[in-house]
Amino acid sequence: MKKSYILLLAVALILSATSCMKKMAGPISAFAKKEIIYMNSELDGSITLRVQGEGRDEKDAHEQAAKEAVHAVIFKGVDVPNNPRLSQPLVADPRAEVEHEAFFNKFFKDGGKYTSFVSKKDHNPDYDYTKSRTTRMRVITTVRVERSKLQAYLIKQEIIPE
């Protein structure tokens, strides 16, 4: 009788432990939404980033990822180890996105001017990860943002001071 209770207790313990275990997260779910990861910087002032995008298809998801990368460089900054200058956002004023809304809406439209500052040189499709969710596609990809050229453009457009 005592053995039965111990066996029953052991089975109950095993069942409760396995039912409480979380499923392993896949590569996409482990990548926090809109998280941007610094990978490399070049002497020409460009920054290579790993970024996630979501769109109606794979092409749109890649385009959204590029927009996320450029947006982060302009407004949020990217954590670049040992280089505080490259870590800072290009636009220091948090109100600038609202004050120049018309400019940035046009800049970030599909196929807009932001594409001039994005390079796929470091793009490696073997390392891209895509996942379809009903009607949406998510992708994690590598994007190079030409930060120094972007900064010069924003100065010329009088969005940021010299």
C-alpha atoms as a PDB file:
ATOM      1  CA  MET A   1       0.000   0.000   0.000  1.00  0.00           C
ATOM      2  CA  LYS A   2       2.822   2.369   0.923  1.00  0.00           C
ATOM      3  CA  LYS A   3       4.545   1.618  -2.414  1.00  0.00           C
ATOM      4  CA  SER A   4       1.337   2.470  -4.265  1.00  0.00           C
ATOM      5  CA  TYR A   5       1.166   5.892  -2.629  1.00  0.00           C
ATOM      6  CA  ILE A   6       4.808   6.591  -3.436  1.00  0.00           C
ATOM      7  CA  LEU A   7       4.322   5.469  -7.051  1.00  0.00           C
ATOM      8  CA  LEU A   8       1.152   7.530  -7.378  1.00  0.00           C
ATOM      9  CA  LEU A   9       2.907  10.553  -5.874  1.00  0.00           C
ATOM     10  CA  ALA A  10       5.872  10.152  -8.239  1.00  0.00           C
ATOM     11  CA  VAL A  11       3.594   9.927 -11.305  1.00  0.00           C
ATOM     12  CA  ALA A  12       1.610  12.991 -10.171  1.00  0.00           C
ATOM     13  CA  LEU A  13       4.833  14.917  -9.592  1.00  0.00           C
ATOM     14  CA  ILE A  14       6.189  14.038 -13.049  1.00  0.00           C
ATOM     15  CA  LEU A  15       2.915  14.944 -14.751  1.00  0.00           C
ATOM     16  CA  SER A  16       2.647  18.289 -12.987  1.00  0.00           C
ATOM     17  CA  ALA A  17       6.283  19.130 -13.744  1.00  0.00           C
ATOM     18  CA  THR A  18       5.961  18.388 -17.466  1.00  0.00           C
ATOM     19  CA  SER A  19       2.654  20.243 -17.805  1.00  0.00           C
ATOM     20  CA  CYS A  20       4.184  23.372 -16.233  1.00  0.00           C
ATOM     21  CA  MET A  21       7.189  23.431 -18.560  1.00  0.00           C
ATOM     22  CA  LYS A  22       7.223  26.220 -21.124  1.00  0.00           C
ATOM     23  CA  LYS A  23       7.669  25.301 -24.743  1.00  0.00           C
ATOM     24  CA  MET A  24      11.011  26.289 -26.209  1.00  0.00           C
ATOM     25  CA  ALA A  25      10.716  29.562 -28.068  1.00  0.00           C
ATOM     26  CA  GLY A  26      11.711  29.580 -31.719  1.00  0.00           C
ATOM     27  CA  PRO A  27      14.208  32.076 -33.158  1.00  0.00           C
ATOM     28  CA  ILE A  28      11.536  34.690 -33.943  1.00  0.00           C
ATOM     29  CA  SER A  29       9.710  34.567 -30.626  1.00  0.00           C
ATOM     30  CA  ALA A  30      13.004  34.754 -28.753  1.00  0.00           C
ATOM     31  CA  PHE A  31      13.783  37.973 -30.657  1.00  0.00           C
ATOM     32  CA  ALA A  32      11.956  40.714 -28.786  1.00  0.00           C
ATOM     33  CA  LYS A  33       9.577  42.721 -30.948  1.00  0.00           C
ATOM     34  CA  LYS A  34      11.344  45.674 -32.515  1.00  0.00           C
ATOM     35  CA  GLU A  35      14.597  44.746 -30.835  1.00  0.00           C
ATOM     36  CA  ILE A  36      17.565  45.967 -32.826  1.00  0.00           C
ATOM     37  CA  ILE A  37      20.913  44.299 -32.285  1.00  0.00           C
ATOM     38  CA  TYR A  38      24.212  45.959 -33.162  1.00  0.00           C
ATOM     39  CA  MET A  39      26.499  43.693 -35.167  1.00  0.00           C
ATOM     40  CA  ASN A  40      29.291  45.848 -36.592  1.00  0.00           C
ATOM     41  CA  SER A  41      30.353  49.351 -37.569  1.00  0.00           C
ATOM     42  CA  GLU A  42      32.596  50.407 -40.408  1.00  0.00           C
ATOM     43  CA  LEU A  43      35.073  53.266 -40.702  1.00  0.00           C
ATOM     44  CA  ASP A  44      32.769  54.934 -43.243  1.00  0.00           C
ATOM     45  CA  GLY A  45      30.249  55.554 -40.431  1.00  0.00           C
ATOM     46  CA  SER A  46      27.855  52.766 -41.342  1.00  0.00           C
ATOM     47  CA  ILE A  47      26.297  50.459 -38.763  1.00  0.00           C
ATOM     48  CA  THR A  48      25.281  46.859 -39.397  1.00  0.00           C
ATOM     49  CA  LEU A  49      22.209  45.790 -37.433  1.00  0.00           C
ATOM     50  CA  ARG A  50      20.108  42.688 -36.934  1.00  0.00           C
ATOM     51  CA  VAL A  51      16.463  43.734 -37.028  1.00  0.00           C
ATOM     52  CA  GLN A  52      12.975  42.278 -37.236  1.00  0.00           C
ATOM     53  CA  GLY A  53      10.286  43.379 -39.651  1.00  0.00           C
ATOM     54  CA  GLU A  54       6.691  42.370 -40.161  1.00  0.00           C
ATOM     55  CA  GLY A  55       4.631  42.767 -43.309  1.00  0.00           C
ATOM     56  CA  ARG A  56       1.977  41.295 -45.560  1.00  0.00           C
ATOM     57  CA  ASP A  57       4.612  39.209 -47.392  1.00  0.00           C
ATOM     58  CA  GLU A  58       8.355  38.540 -47.179  1.00  0.00           C
ATOM     59  CA  LYS A  59       9.326  41.541 -49.347  1.00  0.00           C
ATOM     60  CA  ASP A  60       7.210  43.901 -47.239  1.00  0.00           C
ATOM     61  CA  ALA A  61       8.653  42.411 -44.032  1.00  0.00           C
ATOM     62  CA  HIS A  62      12.207  43.093 -45.278  1.00  0.00           C
ATOM     63  CA  GLU A  63      11.218  46.664 -46.160  1.00  0.00           C
ATOM     64  CA  GLN A  64       9.705  47.179 -42.703  1.00  0.00           C
ATOM     65  CA  ALA A  65      12.896  45.817 -41.117  1.00  0.00           C
ATOM     66  CA  ALA A  66      14.954  48.386 -43.058  1.00  0.00           C
ATOM     67  CA  LYS A  67      12.587  51.156 -41.923  1.00  0.00           C
ATOM     68  CA  GLU A  68      12.907  49.997 -38.306  1.00  0.00           C
ATOM     69  CA  ALA A  69      16.702  50.116 -38.554  1.00  0.00           C
ATOM     70  CA  VAL A  70      16.796  53.634 -40.045  1.00  0.00           C
ATOM     71  CA  HIS A  71      14.165  54.865 -37.588  1.00  0.00           C
ATOM     72  CA  ALA A  72      16.225  53.556 -34.669  1.00  0.00           C
ATOM     73  CA  VAL A  73      19.398  55.254 -35.916  1.00  0.00           C
ATOM     74  CA  ILE A  74      17.550  58.565 -36.327  1.00  0.00           C
ATOM     75  CA  PHE A  75      15.365  58.687 -33.209  1.00  0.00           C
ATOM     76  CA  LYS A  76      16.381  56.070 -30.644  1.00  0.00           C
ATOM     77  CA  GLY A  77      20.046  55.396 -31.137  1.00  0.00           C
ATOM     78  CA  VAL A  78      21.620  51.960 -31.197  1.00  0.00           C
ATOM     79  CA  ASP A  79      23.782  50.542 -28.440  1.00  0.00           C
ATOM     80  CA  VAL A  80      27.236  50.455 -30.058  1.00  0.00           C
ATOM     81  CA  PRO A  81      29.796  49.084 -27.594  1.00  0.00           C
ATOM     82  CA  ASN A  82      32.802  51.344 -26.996  1.00  0.00           C
ATOM     83  CA  ASN A  83      31.460  54.098 -29.252  1.00  0.00           C
ATOM     84  CA  PRO A  84      29.101  56.521 -27.499  1.00  0.00           C
ATOM     85  CA  ARG A  85      29.005  58.832 -30.533  1.00  0.00           C
ATOM     86  CA  LEU A  86      27.549  56.130 -32.786  1.00  0.00           C
ATOM     87  CA  SER A  87      25.174  55.059 -29.999  1.00  0.00           C
ATOM     88  CA  GLN A  88      23.404  58.422 -29.892  1.00  0.00           C
ATOM     89  CA  PRO A  89      20.365  59.098 -32.081  1.00  0.00           C
ATOM     90  CA  LEU A  90      20.929  61.529 -34.943  1.00  0.00           C
ATOM     91  CA  VAL A  91      17.945  63.603 -33.820  1.00  0.00           C
ATOM     92  CA  ALA A  92      18.443  64.763 -30.238  1.00  0.00           C
ATOM     93  CA  ASP A  93      15.099  66.568 -29.911  1.00  0.00           C
ATOM     94  CA  PRO A  94      12.331  64.087 -29.033  1.00  0.00           C
ATOM     95  CA  ARG A  95       9.735  66.430 -30.556  1.00  0.00           C
ATOM     96  CA  ALA A  96      11.418  66.446 -33.984  1.00  0.00           C
ATOM     97  CA  GLU A  97       9.479  63.456 -35.297  1.00  0.00           C
ATOM     98  CA  VAL A  98       6.199  65.294 -34.647  1.00  0.00           C
ATOM     99  CA  GLU A  99       7.480  68.725 -35.709  1.00  0.00           C
ATOM    100  CA  HIS A 100       8.724  67.329 -39.043  1.00  0.00           C
ATOM    101  CA  GLU A 101       5.935  64.788 -39.465  1.00  0.00           C
ATOM    102  CA  ALA A 102       5.293  65.576 -43.146  1.00  0.00           C
ATOM    103  CA  PHE A 103       8.990  65.189 -43.963  1.00  0.00           C
ATOM    104  CA  PHE A 104       9.320  61.856 -42.134  1.00  0.00           C
ATOM    105  CA  ASN A 105       6.050  60.460 -43.554  1.00  0.00           C
ATOM    106  CA  LYS A 106       7.406  61.080 -47.053  1.00  0.00           C
ATOM    107  CA  PHE A 107      10.904  59.877 -46.061  1.00  0.00           C
ATOM    108  CA  PHE A 108       9.607  56.545 -44.671  1.00  0.00           C
ATOM    109  CA  LYS A 109       6.931  55.815 -47.291  1.00  0.00           C
ATOM    110  CA  ASP A 110       7.322  52.497 -49.137  1.00  0.00           C
ATOM    111  CA  GLY A 111      10.286  52.908 -51.467  1.00  0.00           C
ATOM    112  CA  GLY A 112      10.959  56.350 -49.943  1.00  0.00           C
ATOM    113  CA  LYS A 113      14.221  58.233 -49.507  1.00  0.00           C
ATOM    114  CA  TYR A 114      15.210  56.076 -46.503  1.00  0.00           C
ATOM    115  CA  THR A 115      16.231  53.378 -49.018  1.00  0.00           C
ATOM    116  CA  SER A 116      19.174  55.588 -50.069  1.00  0.00           C
ATOM    117  CA  PHE A 117      20.731  55.017 -46.646  1.00  0.00           C
ATOM    118  CA  VAL A 118      20.204  51.248 -46.403  1.00  0.00           C
ATOM    119  CA  SER A 119      22.574  48.724 -47.853  1.00  0.00           C
ATOM    120  CA  LYS A 120      22.070  45.000 -48.206  1.00  0.00           C
ATOM    121  CA  LYS A 121      25.846  44.399 -48.452  1.00  0.00           C
ATOM    122  CA  ASP A 122      25.757  42.408 -45.237  1.00  0.00           C
ATOM    123  CA  HIS A 123      22.452  40.755 -46.103  1.00  0.00           C
ATOM    124  CA  ASN A 124      22.833  36.999 -45.810  1.00  0.00           C
ATOM    125  CA  PRO A 125      19.668  35.129 -46.776  1.00  0.00           C
ATOM    126  CA  ASP A 126      21.038  31.940 -45.217  1.00  0.00           C
ATOM    127  CA  TYR A 127      20.686  33.617 -41.826  1.00  0.00           C
ATOM    128  CA  ASP A 128      17.326  35.287 -42.412  1.00  0.00           C
ATOM    129  CA  TYR A 129      14.510  33.725 -40.511  1.00  0.00           C
ATOM    130  CA  THR A 130      10.953  34.051 -41.711  1.00  0.00           C
ATOM    131  CA  LYS A 131       7.733  32.890 -40.188  1.00  0.00           C
ATOM    132  CA  SER A 132       4.245  33.135 -41.578  1.00  0.00           C
ATOM    133  CA  ARG A 133       1.386  33.915 -39.228  1.00  0.00           C
ATOM    134  CA  THR A 134      -1.981  33.708 -40.940  1.00  0.00           C
ATOM    135  CA  THR A 135      -1.742  36.750 -43.244  1.00  0.00           C
ATOM    136  CA  ARG A 136       1.438  38.343 -41.846  1.00  0.00           C
ATOM    137  CA  MET A 137       5.091  37.509 -42.401  1.00  0.00           C
ATOM    138  CA  ARG A 138       7.849  38.203 -39.882  1.00  0.00           C
ATOM    139  CA  VAL A 139      11.512  38.268 -40.798  1.00  0.00           C
ATOM    140  CA  ILE A 140      14.776  38.812 -38.965  1.00  0.00           C
ATOM    141  CA  THR A 141      17.442  40.161 -41.276  1.00  0.00           C
ATOM    142  CA  THR A 142      20.724  42.055 -41.396  1.00  0.00           C
ATOM    143  CA  VAL A 143      20.673  45.687 -42.524  1.00  0.00           C
ATOM    144  CA  ARG A 144      23.511  48.185 -42.914  1.00  0.00           C
ATOM    145  CA  VAL A 145      22.533  51.806 -42.259  1.00  0.00           C
ATOM    146  CA  GLU A 146      24.853  54.413 -43.732  1.00  0.00           C
ATOM    147  CA  ARG A 147      24.692  56.655 -40.697  1.00  0.00           C
ATOM    148  CA  SER A 148      27.136  59.370 -41.818  1.00  0.00           C
ATOM    149  CA  LYS A 149      25.338  59.855 -45.165  1.00  0.00           C
ATOM    150  CA  LEU A 150      21.998  59.903 -43.350  1.00  0.00           C
ATOM    151  CA  GLN A 151      23.310  62.539 -40.945  1.00  0.00           C
ATOM    152  CA  ALA A 152      24.557  64.719 -43.820  1.00  0.00           C
ATOM    153  CA  TYR A 153      21.159  64.414 -45.523  1.00  0.00           C
ATOM    154  CA  LEU A 154      19.253  65.411 -42.370  1.00  0.00           C
ATOM    155  CA  ILE A 155      21.551  68.432 -41.936  1.00  0.00           C
ATOM    156  CA  LYS A 156      20.989  69.456 -45.569  1.00  0.00           C
ATOM    157  CA  GLN A 157      17.214  69.135 -45.084  1.00  0.00           C
ATOM    158  CA  GLU A 158      17.514  71.295 -41.938  1.00  0.00           C
ATOM    159  CA  ILE A 159      16.057  68.584 -39.706  1.00  0.00           C
ATOM    160  CA  ILE A 160      19.126  68.572 -37.436  1.00  0.00           C
ATOM    161  CA  PRO A 161      21.709  71.315 -36.827  1.00  0.00           C
ATOM    162  CA  GLU A 162      25.239  71.077 -38.186  1.00  0.00           C
END
